[in-house]
Amino acid sequence: MVAKTSALSIAHILRMKDAGEKIAVVTAYDFPTGRMADAAGIDVILVGDSVASVVQGRPTTLGVRLEETIYHTEMVQRAATRALVVADVPFPYCQLGPEEAVRACARVVKETNVGAVKIEGGAKRAETVRAVVEAGIPVLGHCGLAPQSVKAQGYRIQRDLDRLLEDALAIQEAGAFAIVLECVQRDYAEEVTRKLRVPTIGIGAGAGCDGQILVFHDLFNFADGEPTERPKHARVYRDLHKIIDEGLREYVSDVKEGRFPNDTESFGASK
């Protein structure tokens, strides 16, 4: 069954920038996390290719398949009744040129009814972004650190303001409705935000962006539990790793010692 359309539109997101209202964005990868994010008032839910690292246990995002993006996006879209859901187009579809990108994006939208797609890359991807937008598919851009280009560029902070401005403006003019700025010096991110008509969504880019995005699993210390393994920009709002670890250990102990299940958790004997 095709998922329903979310309530928040692209026009609403654009009006938030004009009104000075910050945009709250979070990643989610399945129905339960999508439903929780939506109910909490998150404006945009990104089904990120970060699923590779935080769910699949891969070292980079490069291994995510298009079928997996569709699988996770459909679940999140079905969960969201308010938030705009965006699907991250995985490597290498947008790197292969406009025609291949349009084909992949159209399949994602057709099979999930998602509200928009995210395309990573700056000026080099402008032609691709334009082609996807002209095909009737809204695009969230992504400049700064480029995880899909890790093999060529590595993970590093964007320290070239002229390049960043060139990339962001090119993606805006190609038709993107908003742009993620990842791991960018905060003064650079502020400068870009001032010069763009469309909203900027920061991740490791300071408070001057029009909105912020964090990975669900980072927000709640869900996966690793070690503070040194978290990104500098990822604030932990609740330590679910500790809570879950304690609960699992207690469950193991109760099973081993015969304390679970008790009489109230068991069905009575048949007569």
Protein backbone atom coordinates (compact mmCIF):
# COMPACT_ATOMS: atom_id res chain seq x y z
CA MET A 1 0.00 0.00 0.00
CA VAL A 2 1.37 3.44 -0.93
CA ALA A 3 2.01 5.71 2.07
CA LYS A 4 -0.01 8.87 2.59
CA THR A 5 1.33 12.33 1.83
CA SER A 6 2.75 14.33 4.75
CA ALA A 7 1.09 17.53 5.93
CA LEU A 8 4.04 19.95 5.75
CA SER A 9 4.79 21.16 2.23
CA ILE A 10 7.88 22.57 0.57
CA ALA A 11 6.18 25.98 0.61
CA HIS A 12 5.76 25.72 4.38
CA ILE A 13 9.47 25.00 4.85
CA LEU A 14 10.36 28.02 2.71
CA ARG A 15 8.01 30.24 4.73
CA MET A 16 9.76 29.15 7.93
CA LYS A 17 12.98 30.81 6.73
CA ASP A 18 11.12 34.00 5.80
CA ALA A 19 9.46 34.05 9.22
CA GLY A 20 12.71 33.38 11.10
CA GLU A 21 11.35 30.09 12.49
CA LYS A 22 14.03 27.46 12.98
CA ILE A 23 13.55 24.13 11.19
CA ALA A 24 13.99 20.95 13.25
CA VAL A 25 15.22 17.98 11.22
CA VAL A 26 16.17 14.46 12.32
CA THR A 27 17.03 11.21 10.60
CA ALA A 28 14.85 8.13 11.02
CA TYR A 29 14.99 4.73 9.37
CA ASP A 30 11.87 2.81 10.35
CA PHE A 31 8.22 3.11 11.38
CA PRO A 32 8.70 3.44 15.19
CA THR A 33 11.39 6.15 15.02
CA GLY A 34 9.53 7.93 12.24
CA ARG A 35 6.32 7.95 14.25
CA MET A 36 8.09 9.24 17.37
CA ALA A 37 9.85 12.01 15.45
CA ASP A 38 6.63 13.05 13.76
CA ALA A 39 4.64 13.08 17.01
CA ALA A 40 7.31 15.19 18.73
CA GLY A 41 6.92 18.00 16.19
CA ILE A 42 9.94 17.40 13.96
CA ASP A 43 9.49 19.42 10.75
CA VAL A 44 11.54 17.30 8.33
CA ILE A 45 12.54 13.64 8.65
CA LEU A 46 15.48 12.54 6.52
CA VAL A 47 15.81 8.88 5.67
CA GLY A 48 19.57 9.25 5.43
CA ASP A 49 22.13 7.03 3.81
CA SER A 50 23.67 7.20 7.29
CA VAL A 51 21.53 4.09 7.82
CA ALA A 52 24.65 2.31 6.55
CA SER A 53 26.68 3.31 9.61
CA VAL A 54 24.14 3.43 12.41
CA VAL A 55 21.87 0.52 11.45
CA GLN A 56 23.79 -1.72 9.05
CA GLY A 57 27.20 -1.46 10.72
CA ARG A 58 29.04 -0.41 7.56
CA PRO A 59 32.19 1.76 7.73
CA THR A 60 30.85 4.29 5.17
CA THR A 61 27.56 5.22 3.49
CA LEU A 62 28.67 3.91 0.10
CA GLY A 63 27.18 0.43 0.44
CA VAL A 64 23.52 1.43 0.72
CA ARG A 65 21.45 0.07 -2.17
CA LEU A 66 18.55 1.89 -3.80
CA GLU A 67 16.23 -0.94 -2.77
CA GLU A 68 17.25 -0.39 0.86
CA THR A 69 16.55 3.32 0.58
CA ILE A 70 13.08 2.52 -0.75
CA TYR A 71 12.51 -0.05 2.00
CA HIS A 72 13.37 2.35 4.84
CA THR A 73 11.73 5.40 3.26
CA GLU A 74 8.40 3.66 2.76
CA MET A 75 8.26 2.78 6.46
CA VAL A 76 9.07 6.32 7.61
CA GLN A 77 6.69 7.93 5.12
CA ARG A 78 3.92 5.66 6.36
CA ALA A 79 4.63 6.77 9.93
CA ALA A 80 4.65 10.53 9.28
CA THR A 81 1.38 12.45 9.38
CA ARG A 82 2.88 15.95 9.76
CA ALA A 83 6.58 16.04 8.91
CA LEU A 84 7.98 16.36 5.41
CA VAL A 85 9.89 13.16 4.68
CA VAL A 86 13.00 13.28 2.48
CA ALA A 87 14.86 10.28 1.04
CA ASP A 88 18.64 10.40 0.69
CA VAL A 89 19.61 9.20 -2.80
CA PRO A 90 22.44 6.70 -2.28
CA PHE A 91 25.75 6.45 -4.10
CA PRO A 92 26.33 6.33 -7.09
CA TYR A 93 23.05 7.28 -8.81
CA CYS A 94 23.52 11.05 -8.76
CA GLN A 95 27.20 10.71 -9.64
CA LEU A 96 26.27 8.92 -12.88
CA GLY A 97 24.58 11.93 -14.45
CA PRO A 98 21.12 13.54 -14.72
CA GLU A 99 19.40 10.73 -16.61
CA GLU A 100 20.39 8.04 -14.14
CA ALA A 101 19.56 10.32 -11.19
CA VAL A 102 16.08 11.14 -12.52
CA ARG A 103 15.38 7.46 -13.04
CA ALA A 104 16.47 6.56 -9.49
CA CYS A 105 14.65 9.49 -7.85
CA ALA A 106 11.46 8.78 -9.77
CA ARG A 107 11.53 5.19 -8.59
CA VAL A 108 11.98 6.27 -4.95
CA VAL A 109 9.07 8.72 -5.15
CA LYS A 110 6.81 6.33 -7.04
CA GLU A 111 7.36 3.44 -4.60
CA THR A 112 7.29 5.43 -1.33
CA ASN A 113 5.30 8.64 -2.02
CA VAL A 114 8.08 10.53 -0.21
CA GLY A 115 7.91 14.33 -0.27
CA ALA A 116 11.42 15.03 -1.60
CA VAL A 117 14.85 13.56 -2.22
CA LYS A 118 18.30 14.68 -1.05
CA ILE A 119 21.18 14.96 -3.51
CA GLU A 120 24.72 15.36 -2.22
CA GLY A 121 27.26 17.63 -3.91
CA GLY A 122 27.85 21.22 -4.96
CA ALA A 123 28.18 22.93 -8.32
CA LYS A 124 29.16 19.67 -10.03
CA ARG A 125 25.70 18.30 -9.21
CA ALA A 126 23.76 21.40 -10.29
CA GLU A 127 22.80 19.94 -13.65
CA THR A 128 21.59 16.77 -11.96
CA VAL A 129 19.57 18.71 -9.36
CA ARG A 130 17.98 20.78 -12.13
CA ALA A 131 16.99 17.68 -14.08
CA VAL A 132 15.39 16.06 -11.03
CA VAL A 133 13.49 19.24 -10.13
CA GLU A 134 12.30 19.61 -13.72
CA ALA A 135 11.00 16.06 -13.49
CA GLY A 136 8.69 17.27 -10.72
CA ILE A 137 10.67 15.95 -7.74
CA PRO A 138 11.63 18.42 -4.97
CA VAL A 139 15.32 18.32 -4.01
CA LEU A 140 17.10 19.01 -0.73
CA GLY A 141 20.72 19.89 -1.55
CA HIS A 142 23.81 18.99 0.47
CA CYS A 143 27.08 20.97 0.52
CA GLY A 144 30.19 20.93 2.68
CA LEU A 145 31.46 17.57 3.88
CA ALA A 146 30.42 14.92 1.35
CA PRO A 147 30.22 11.40 2.83
CA GLN A 148 29.53 9.90 -0.61
CA SER A 149 32.89 11.31 -1.79
CA VAL A 150 34.86 9.97 1.18
CA LYS A 151 37.09 7.86 -1.06
CA ALA A 152 38.31 10.98 -2.88
CA GLN A 153 38.01 13.69 -0.23
CA GLY A 154 38.02 12.02 3.17
CA TYR A 155 36.14 13.48 6.14
CA ARG A 156 37.18 17.09 6.62
CA ILE A 157 35.75 20.46 7.63
CA GLN A 158 34.88 22.82 4.75
CA ARG A 159 37.30 25.77 5.04
CA ASP A 160 36.94 27.37 1.59
CA LEU A 161 34.23 30.03 1.78
CA ASP A 162 34.33 30.91 -1.92
CA ARG A 163 33.90 27.26 -2.89
CA LEU A 164 31.10 26.77 -0.39
CA LEU A 165 29.24 29.84 -1.65
CA GLU A 166 29.70 28.76 -5.25
CA ASP A 167 28.36 25.29 -4.46
CA ALA A 168 25.37 26.48 -2.42
CA LEU A 169 24.33 29.16 -4.90
CA ALA A 170 24.60 26.74 -7.81
CA ILE A 171 22.39 24.21 -6.07
CA GLN A 172 19.89 26.93 -5.12
CA GLU A 173 19.70 28.19 -8.71
CA ALA A 174 19.26 24.61 -9.91
CA GLY A 175 16.02 24.51 -7.92
CA ALA A 176 16.79 22.96 -4.51
CA PHE A 177 14.25 24.06 -1.87
CA ALA A 178 16.81 23.88 0.97
CA ILE A 179 20.47 22.93 1.47
CA VAL A 180 22.18 20.88 4.18
CA LEU A 181 25.53 22.34 5.28
CA GLU A 182 27.64 19.59 6.87
CA CYS A 183 30.79 20.20 8.95
CA VAL A 184 31.28 23.82 7.91
CA GLN A 185 32.92 26.62 9.91
CA ARG A 186 30.08 28.42 11.66
CA ASP A 187 30.98 31.87 10.28
CA TYR A 188 30.99 30.41 6.76
CA ALA A 189 27.63 28.77 7.36
CA GLU A 190 26.23 32.10 8.59
CA GLU A 191 27.50 33.87 5.48
CA VAL A 192 25.97 31.27 3.17
CA THR A 193 22.68 31.38 5.08
CA ARG A 194 22.48 35.18 4.66
CA LYS A 195 23.08 34.96 0.91
CA LEU A 196 20.64 32.18 0.11
CA ARG A 197 16.91 32.58 -0.51
CA VAL A 198 16.30 28.97 0.54
CA PRO A 199 16.79 27.57 4.05
CA THR A 200 20.06 26.06 5.25
CA ILE A 201 20.04 23.02 7.52
CA GLY A 202 23.19 22.67 9.58
CA ILE A 203 24.93 19.60 10.92
CA GLY A 204 28.20 20.57 12.53
CA ALA A 205 27.77 24.06 11.05
CA GLY A 206 26.87 26.21 14.05
CA ALA A 207 23.69 27.91 15.19
CA GLY A 208 23.45 30.43 12.35
CA CYS A 209 21.73 28.07 9.93
CA ASP A 210 17.98 28.19 9.37
CA GLY A 211 17.60 24.71 10.84
CA GLN A 212 19.48 21.82 12.39
CA ILE A 213 19.66 18.10 11.73
CA LEU A 214 20.94 15.29 13.93
CA VAL A 215 21.02 11.54 13.53
CA PHE A 216 18.36 9.86 15.68
CA HIS A 217 20.84 7.37 17.11
CA ASP A 218 23.27 10.17 18.08
CA LEU A 219 20.50 12.12 19.83
CA PHE A 220 19.92 9.22 22.19
CA ASN A 221 23.38 7.60 22.35
CA PHE A 222 21.60 4.59 20.96
CA ALA A 223 24.40 2.65 19.32
CA ASP A 224 27.92 2.88 20.73
CA GLY A 225 27.76 4.26 24.22
CA GLU A 226 31.28 5.68 24.16
CA PRO A 227 31.47 9.52 24.25
CA THR A 228 34.71 9.52 22.24
CA GLU A 229 32.97 7.80 19.33
CA ARG A 230 30.31 10.47 18.86
CA PRO A 231 30.71 13.41 16.48
CA LYS A 232 31.59 16.72 18.14
CA HIS A 233 28.34 18.31 16.98
CA ALA A 234 26.06 15.51 18.24
CA ARG A 235 24.41 16.44 21.53
CA VAL A 236 23.01 13.52 23.53
CA TYR A 237 19.56 14.36 24.89
CA ARG A 238 18.89 11.01 26.58
CA ASP A 239 21.30 8.12 27.20
CA LEU A 240 19.27 5.19 25.90
CA HIS A 241 22.38 3.06 25.52
CA LYS A 242 22.77 2.94 29.31
CA ILE A 243 19.07 2.30 29.92
CA ILE A 244 18.86 -0.48 27.33
CA ASP A 245 22.09 -2.09 28.50
CA GLU A 246 20.87 -2.19 32.10
CA GLY A 247 17.51 -3.60 31.04
CA LEU A 248 19.03 -6.33 28.90
CA ARG A 249 21.44 -7.38 31.63
CA GLU A 250 18.57 -7.57 34.13
CA TYR A 251 16.54 -9.66 31.68
CA VAL A 252 19.42 -12.09 31.18
CA SER A 253 19.82 -12.42 34.94
CA ASP A 254 16.09 -13.00 35.48
CA VAL A 255 15.97 -15.71 32.82
CA LYS A 256 19.08 -17.44 34.14
CA GLU A 257 17.84 -17.37 37.74
CA GLY A 258 14.25 -18.34 36.92
CA ARG A 259 12.69 -15.01 37.92
CA PHE A 260 11.13 -14.51 34.49
CA PRO A 261 8.39 -15.24 33.72
CA ASN A 262 6.51 -15.16 37.01
CA ASP A 263 2.98 -16.46 37.65
CA THR A 264 1.26 -13.24 36.50
CA GLU A 265 3.20 -13.38 33.23
CA SER A 266 2.17 -16.96 32.51
CA PHE A 267 -1.08 -18.56 31.37
CA GLY A 268 -2.90 -20.76 33.88
CA ALA A 269 -2.96 -24.52 33.56
CA SER A 270 -5.80 -25.98 31.46
CA LYS A 271 -8.61 -27.74 33.37
